All heavy atoms as atom14 arrays in JSON, in Angstrom:
{
  "sequence": "GYHLAKRMIADGHDVFGLDSINDYYDINVKY",
  "atom14_mask": [
    [1, 1, 1, 1, 0, 0, 0, 0, 0, 0, 0, 0, 0, 0],
    [1, 1, 1, 1, 1, 1, 1, 1, 1, 1, 1, 1, 0, 0],
    [1, 1, 1, 1, 1, 1, 1, 1, 1, 1, 0, 0, 0, 0],
    [1, 1, 1, 1, 1, 1, 1, 1, 0, 0, 0, 0, 0, 0],
    [1, 1, 1, 1, 1, 0, 0, 0, 0, 0, 0, 0, 0, 0],
    [1, 1, 1, 1, 1, 1, 1, 1, 1, 0, 0, 0, 0, 0],
    [1, 1, 1, 1, 1, 1, 1, 1, 1, 1, 1, 0, 0, 0],
    [1, 1, 1, 1, 1, 1, 1, 1, 0, 0, 0, 0, 0, 0],
    [1, 1, 1, 1, 1, 1, 1, 1, 0, 0, 0, 0, 0, 0],
    [1, 1, 1, 1, 1, 0, 0, 0, 0, 0, 0, 0, 0, 0],
    [1, 1, 1, 1, 1, 1, 1, 1, 0, 0, 0, 0, 0, 0],
    [1, 1, 1, 1, 0, 0, 0, 0, 0, 0, 0, 0, 0, 0],
    [1, 1, 1, 1, 1, 1, 1, 1, 1, 1, 0, 0, 0, 0],
    [1, 1, 1, 1, 1, 1, 1, 1, 0, 0, 0, 0, 0, 0],
    [1, 1, 1, 1, 1, 1, 1, 0, 0, 0, 0, 0, 0, 0],
    [1, 1, 1, 1, 1, 1, 1, 1, 1, 1, 1, 0, 0, 0],
    [1, 1, 1, 1, 0, 0, 0, 0, 0, 0, 0, 0, 0, 0],
    [1, 1, 1, 1, 1, 1, 1, 1, 0, 0, 0, 0, 0, 0],
    [1, 1, 1, 1, 1, 1, 1, 1, 0, 0, 0, 0, 0, 0],
    [1, 1, 1, 1, 1, 1, 0, 0, 0, 0, 0, 0, 0, 0],
    [1, 1, 1, 1, 1, 1, 1, 1, 0, 0, 0, 0, 0, 0],
    [1, 1, 1, 1, 1, 1, 1, 1, 0, 0, 0, 0, 0, 0],
    [1, 1, 1, 1, 1, 1, 1, 1, 0, 0, 0, 0, 0, 0],
    [1, 1, 1, 1, 1, 1, 1, 1, 1, 1, 1, 1, 0, 0],
    [1, 1, 1, 1, 1, 1, 1, 1, 1, 1, 1, 1, 0, 0],
    [1, 1, 1, 1, 1, 1, 1, 1, 0, 0, 0, 0, 0, 0],
    [1, 1, 1, 1, 1, 1, 1, 1, 0, 0, 0, 0, 0, 0],
    [1, 1, 1, 1, 1, 1, 1, 1, 0, 0, 0, 0, 0, 0],
    [1, 1, 1, 1, 1, 1, 1, 0, 0, 0, 0, 0, 0, 0],
    [1, 1, 1, 1, 1, 1, 1, 1, 1, 0, 0, 0, 0, 0],
    [1, 1, 1, 1, 1, 1, 1, 1, 1, 1, 1, 1, 0, 0]
  ],
  "atom14_positions": [
    [[0.74, -1.16, 0.02], [-0.04, 0.06, 0.0], [0.82, 1.29, 0.04], [0.61, 2.25, -0.69], [0.0, 0.0, 0.0], [0.0, 0.0, 0.0], [0.0, 0.0, 0.0], [0.0, 0.0, 0.0], [0.0, 0.0, 0.0], [0.0, 0.0, 0.0], [0.0, 0.0, 0.0], [0.0, 0.0, 0.0], [0.0, 0.0, 0.0], [0.0, 0.0, 0.0]],
    [[1.91, 1.28, 0.82], [2.79, 2.44, 0.83], [3.4, 2.71, -0.57], [3.39, 3.9, -0.98], [3.95, 2.2, 1.9], [5.09, 3.04, 1.69], [5.16, 4.41, 1.89], [6.42, 2.4, 1.17], [6.33, 5.08, 1.72], [7.5, 3.15, 1.08], [7.49, 4.49, 1.24], [8.67, 5.24, 1.06], [0.0, 0.0, 0.0], [0.0, 0.0, 0.0]],
    [[3.98, 1.68, -1.16], [4.56, 1.91, -2.52], [3.54, 2.31, -3.58], [3.91, 3.08, -4.42], [5.31, 0.59, -2.94], [6.62, 0.38, -2.2], [7.75, 0.95, -2.59], [6.92, -0.4, -1.15], [8.78, 0.57, -1.81], [8.26, -0.27, -0.87], [0.0, 0.0, 0.0], [0.0, 0.0, 0.0], [0.0, 0.0, 0.0], [0.0, 0.0, 0.0]],
    [[2.31, 1.69, -3.5], [1.32, 2.09, -4.47], [0.89, 3.49, -4.27], [0.71, 4.28, -5.18], [0.1, 1.17, -4.31], [-1.1, 1.5, -5.3], [-0.68, 1.42, -6.76], [-2.29, 0.65, -4.97], [0.0, 0.0, 0.0], [0.0, 0.0, 0.0], [0.0, 0.0, 0.0], [0.0, 0.0, 0.0], [0.0, 0.0, 0.0], [0.0, 0.0, 0.0]],
    [[0.72, 3.97, -2.98], [0.35, 5.31, -2.7], [1.42, 6.3, -3.31], [1.07, 7.33, -3.86], [0.19, 5.51, -1.18], [0.0, 0.0, 0.0], [0.0, 0.0, 0.0], [0.0, 0.0, 0.0], [0.0, 0.0, 0.0], [0.0, 0.0, 0.0], [0.0, 0.0, 0.0], [0.0, 0.0, 0.0], [0.0, 0.0, 0.0], [0.0, 0.0, 0.0]],
    [[2.67, 6.07, -3.1], [3.77, 6.84, -3.6], [3.62, 7.02, -5.1], [3.73, 8.08, -5.61], [5.09, 6.29, -3.22], [5.59, 6.71, -1.82], [6.93, 6.1, -1.5], [8.02, 6.56, -2.6], [9.28, 5.95, -2.41], [0.0, 0.0, 0.0], [0.0, 0.0, 0.0], [0.0, 0.0, 0.0], [0.0, 0.0, 0.0], [0.0, 0.0, 0.0]],
    [[3.39, 5.87, -5.75], [3.32, 5.91, -7.28], [2.07, 6.71, -7.69], [2.23, 7.49, -8.62], [3.23, 4.41, -7.72], [2.93, 4.26, -9.16], [3.96, 4.93, -10.12], [3.53, 4.79, -11.55], [3.62, 3.73, -12.28], [4.31, 2.7, -11.86], [3.16, 3.7, -13.52], [0.0, 0.0, 0.0], [0.0, 0.0, 0.0], [0.0, 0.0, 0.0]],
    [[0.95, 6.5, -7.09], [-0.24, 7.18, -7.55], [-0.21, 8.65, -7.15], [-0.83, 9.42, -7.96], [-1.44, 6.42, -7.07], [-1.58, 4.98, -7.47], [-3.21, 4.34, -7.59], [-3.9, 5.13, -9.13], [0.0, 0.0, 0.0], [0.0, 0.0, 0.0], [0.0, 0.0, 0.0], [0.0, 0.0, 0.0], [0.0, 0.0, 0.0], [0.0, 0.0, 0.0]],
    [[0.38, 9.01, -6.11], [0.62, 10.4, -5.79], [1.45, 11.01, -6.82], [1.16, 12.14, -7.29], [1.3, 10.5, -4.36], [0.36, 10.17, -3.26], [1.77, 12.03, -4.16], [1.1, 10.0, -1.97], [0.0, 0.0, 0.0], [0.0, 0.0, 0.0], [0.0, 0.0, 0.0], [0.0, 0.0, 0.0], [0.0, 0.0, 0.0], [0.0, 0.0, 0.0]],
    [[2.53, 10.37, -7.19], [3.48, 10.9, -8.28], [2.72, 11.0, -9.59], [3.08, 12.0, -10.34], [4.69, 10.01, -8.33], [0.0, 0.0, 0.0], [0.0, 0.0, 0.0], [0.0, 0.0, 0.0], [0.0, 0.0, 0.0], [0.0, 0.0, 0.0], [0.0, 0.0, 0.0], [0.0, 0.0, 0.0], [0.0, 0.0, 0.0], [0.0, 0.0, 0.0]],
    [[1.76, 10.13, -9.81], [1.01, 10.19, -11.16], [0.0, 11.31, -11.18], [-0.65, 11.48, -12.23], [0.38, 8.75, -11.43], [1.42, 7.77, -11.81], [2.59, 8.07, -12.1], [1.04, 6.56, -11.85], [0.0, 0.0, 0.0], [0.0, 0.0, 0.0], [0.0, 0.0, 0.0], [0.0, 0.0, 0.0], [0.0, 0.0, 0.0], [0.0, 0.0, 0.0]],
    [[-0.22, 11.93, -9.99], [-1.17, 13.11, -9.93], [-2.58, 12.83, -9.59], [-3.45, 13.65, -9.65], [0.0, 0.0, 0.0], [0.0, 0.0, 0.0], [0.0, 0.0, 0.0], [0.0, 0.0, 0.0], [0.0, 0.0, 0.0], [0.0, 0.0, 0.0], [0.0, 0.0, 0.0], [0.0, 0.0, 0.0], [0.0, 0.0, 0.0], [0.0, 0.0, 0.0]],
    [[-2.88, 11.58, -9.13], [-4.16, 11.25, -8.66], [-4.36, 11.83, -7.25], [-3.42, 12.22, -6.57], [-4.36, 9.77, -8.54], [-4.17, 9.1, -9.81], [-5.09, 9.15, -10.93], [-3.2, 8.31, -10.38], [-4.75, 8.51, -11.94], [-3.57, 7.91, -11.64], [0.0, 0.0, 0.0], [0.0, 0.0, 0.0], [0.0, 0.0, 0.0], [0.0, 0.0, 0.0]],
    [[-5.65, 12.06, -6.92], [-5.99, 12.45, -5.53], [-6.09, 11.12, -4.76], [-6.99, 10.29, -5.03], [-7.37, 13.18, -5.53], [-7.26, 14.56, -6.08], [-6.18, 15.15, -5.92], [-8.3, 14.99, -6.59], [0.0, 0.0, 0.0], [0.0, 0.0, 0.0], [0.0, 0.0, 0.0], [0.0, 0.0, 0.0], [0.0, 0.0, 0.0], [0.0, 0.0, 0.0]],
    [[-5.11, 10.91, -3.9], [-5.0, 9.61, -3.1], [-5.39, 9.7, -1.64], [-4.98, 10.69, -0.98], [-3.55, 9.09, -3.17], [-3.4, 7.81, -2.56], [-3.11, 9.08, -4.78], [0.0, 0.0, 0.0], [0.0, 0.0, 0.0], [0.0, 0.0, 0.0], [0.0, 0.0, 0.0], [0.0, 0.0, 0.0], [0.0, 0.0, 0.0], [0.0, 0.0, 0.0]],
    [[-6.25, 8.78, -1.26], [-6.59, 8.72, 0.22], [-6.11, 7.4, 0.73], [-6.43, 6.3, 0.2], [-8.07, 8.82, 0.35], [-8.66, 10.2, 0.16], [-8.71, 10.75, -1.11], [-9.13, 10.93, 1.22], [-9.19, 12.03, -1.25], [-9.64, 12.21, 1.06], [-9.71, 12.77, -0.16], [0.0, 0.0, 0.0], [0.0, 0.0, 0.0], [0.0, 0.0, 0.0]],
    [[-5.31, 7.49, 1.84], [-4.82, 6.18, 2.37], [-5.57, 5.9, 3.64], [-5.99, 6.76, 4.45], [0.0, 0.0, 0.0], [0.0, 0.0, 0.0], [0.0, 0.0, 0.0], [0.0, 0.0, 0.0], [0.0, 0.0, 0.0], [0.0, 0.0, 0.0], [0.0, 0.0, 0.0], [0.0, 0.0, 0.0], [0.0, 0.0, 0.0], [0.0, 0.0, 0.0]],
    [[-5.74, 4.62, 3.94], [-6.5, 4.17, 5.11], [-5.72, 3.02, 5.62], [-5.29, 2.16, 4.89], [-7.88, 3.77, 4.77], [-8.79, 3.23, 5.84], [-10.31, 3.41, 5.52], [-8.58, 1.66, 6.09], [0.0, 0.0, 0.0], [0.0, 0.0, 0.0], [0.0, 0.0, 0.0], [0.0, 0.0, 0.0], [0.0, 0.0, 0.0], [0.0, 0.0, 0.0]],
    [[-5.52, 3.05, 7.0], [-4.78, 1.88, 7.61], [-5.17, 1.92, 9.12], [-5.36, 2.94, 9.67], [-3.31, 2.03, 7.48], [-2.52, 0.74, 7.6], [-2.56, 0.19, 8.7], [-1.99, 0.21, 6.61], [0.0, 0.0, 0.0], [0.0, 0.0, 0.0], [0.0, 0.0, 0.0], [0.0, 0.0, 0.0], [0.0, 0.0, 0.0], [0.0, 0.0, 0.0]],
    [[-5.24, 0.64, 9.67], [-5.53, 0.54, 11.14], [-4.25, 0.65, 11.9], [-4.35, 0.85, 13.12], [-6.23, -0.79, 11.39], [-5.33, -1.88, 11.19], [0.0, 0.0, 0.0], [0.0, 0.0, 0.0], [0.0, 0.0, 0.0], [0.0, 0.0, 0.0], [0.0, 0.0, 0.0], [0.0, 0.0, 0.0], [0.0, 0.0, 0.0], [0.0, 0.0, 0.0]],
    [[-3.11, 0.48, 11.33], [-1.81, 0.54, 12.03], [-1.82, -0.43, 13.14], [-1.36, -0.04, 14.25], [-1.39, 2.02, 12.43], [-1.75, 3.04, 11.32], [0.13, 2.08, 12.68], [-1.35, 4.35, 11.63], [0.0, 0.0, 0.0], [0.0, 0.0, 0.0], [0.0, 0.0, 0.0], [0.0, 0.0, 0.0], [0.0, 0.0, 0.0], [0.0, 0.0, 0.0]],
    [[-2.19, -1.69, 12.9], [-2.17, -2.65, 14.02], [-0.72, -3.1, 14.27], [0.14, -2.74, 13.64], [-3.02, -3.81, 13.68], [-2.56, -4.62, 12.53], [-1.39, -4.78, 12.25], [-3.49, -5.31, 11.84], [0.0, 0.0, 0.0], [0.0, 0.0, 0.0], [0.0, 0.0, 0.0], [0.0, 0.0, 0.0], [0.0, 0.0, 0.0], [0.0, 0.0, 0.0]],
    [[-0.5, -3.82, 15.36], [0.8, -4.21, 15.81], [1.15, -5.67, 15.44], [1.9, -6.28, 16.16], [0.83, -4.01, 17.39], [-0.05, -4.85, 18.03], [-0.97, -5.59, 17.5], [-0.12, -4.82, 19.37], [0.0, 0.0, 0.0], [0.0, 0.0, 0.0], [0.0, 0.0, 0.0], [0.0, 0.0, 0.0], [0.0, 0.0, 0.0], [0.0, 0.0, 0.0]],
    [[0.68, -6.1, 14.29], [1.06, -7.42, 13.84], [2.55, -7.58, 13.66], [3.08, -8.55, 13.92], [0.28, -7.77, 12.57], [0.82, -8.97, 11.72], [0.77, -10.2, 12.39], [1.34, -8.83, 10.55], [1.18, -11.35, 11.65], [1.78, -9.96, 9.77], [1.78, -11.18, 10.47], [2.25, -12.26, 9.75], [0.0, 0.0, 0.0], [0.0, 0.0, 0.0]],
    [[3.12, -6.47, 13.17], [4.59, -6.39, 13.17], [5.01, -5.03, 13.63], [4.13, -4.17, 13.86], [5.22, -6.78, 11.84], [4.8, -5.87, 10.66], [5.31, -4.67, 10.35], [3.82, -6.42, 9.62], [4.97, -3.96, 9.28], [3.52, -5.69, 8.64], [4.04, -4.43, 8.4], [3.62, -3.71, 7.33], [0.0, 0.0, 0.0], [0.0, 0.0, 0.0]],
    [[6.31, -4.68, 13.73], [6.89, -3.46, 14.21], [6.15, -2.24, 13.62], [6.26, -1.94, 12.4], [8.37, -3.43, 13.9], [9.02, -2.18, 14.55], [8.45, -1.46, 15.21], [10.27, -2.05, 14.32], [0.0, 0.0, 0.0], [0.0, 0.0, 0.0], [0.0, 0.0, 0.0], [0.0, 0.0, 0.0], [0.0, 0.0, 0.0], [0.0, 0.0, 0.0]],
    [[5.43, -1.52, 14.43], [4.64, -0.31, 13.93], [5.56, 0.81, 13.55], [5.18, 1.74, 12.79], [3.65, 0.18, 14.95], [4.17, 0.68, 16.19], [2.52, -0.82, 15.18], [3.17, 1.29, 17.2], [0.0, 0.0, 0.0], [0.0, 0.0, 0.0], [0.0, 0.0, 0.0], [0.0, 0.0, 0.0], [0.0, 0.0, 0.0], [0.0, 0.0, 0.0]],
    [[6.82, 0.73, 13.96], [7.77, 1.79, 13.61], [8.14, 1.73, 12.14], [8.33, 2.79, 11.5], [9.16, 1.74, 14.42], [8.95, 1.98, 15.89], [8.32, 2.99, 16.23], [9.55, 1.15, 16.75], [0.0, 0.0, 0.0], [0.0, 0.0, 0.0], [0.0, 0.0, 0.0], [0.0, 0.0, 0.0], [0.0, 0.0, 0.0], [0.0, 0.0, 0.0]],
    [[7.96, 0.55, 11.59], [8.18, 0.45, 10.05], [6.99, 1.09, 9.43], [7.06, 1.81, 8.43], [8.31, -0.94, 9.68], [8.37, -1.15, 8.13], [9.57, -1.62, 10.26], [0.0, 0.0, 0.0], [0.0, 0.0, 0.0], [0.0, 0.0, 0.0], [0.0, 0.0, 0.0], [0.0, 0.0, 0.0], [0.0, 0.0, 0.0], [0.0, 0.0, 0.0]],
    [[5.88, 0.87, 9.98], [4.6, 1.44, 9.41], [4.6, 3.02, 9.49], [4.26, 3.71, 8.51], [3.28, 0.92, 10.05], [3.16, -0.51, 9.85], [1.88, -1.12, 10.46], [1.77, -2.53, 10.35], [0.52, -3.14, 10.92], [0.0, 0.0, 0.0], [0.0, 0.0, 0.0], [0.0, 0.0, 0.0], [0.0, 0.0, 0.0], [0.0, 0.0, 0.0]],
    [[4.92, 3.45, 10.68], [5.05, 4.93, 10.76], [6.2, 5.51, 9.9], [6.04, 6.66, 9.47], [5.3, 5.23, 12.33], [4.21, 5.04, 13.18], [4.33, 4.5, 14.44], [2.94, 5.43, 12.78], [3.19, 4.44, 15.25], [1.72, 5.23, 13.64], [1.85, 4.7, 14.85], [0.85, 4.51, 15.68], [0.0, 0.0, 0.0], [0.0, 0.0, 0.0]]
  ]
}
């Protein structure tokens, strides 16, 4: 999702990201 958001932002789309930011793995990577 992060990489796709970056690409679609760069392509000029209006992008909305949604995430629960759960702790399944290290949330520092998500942040």
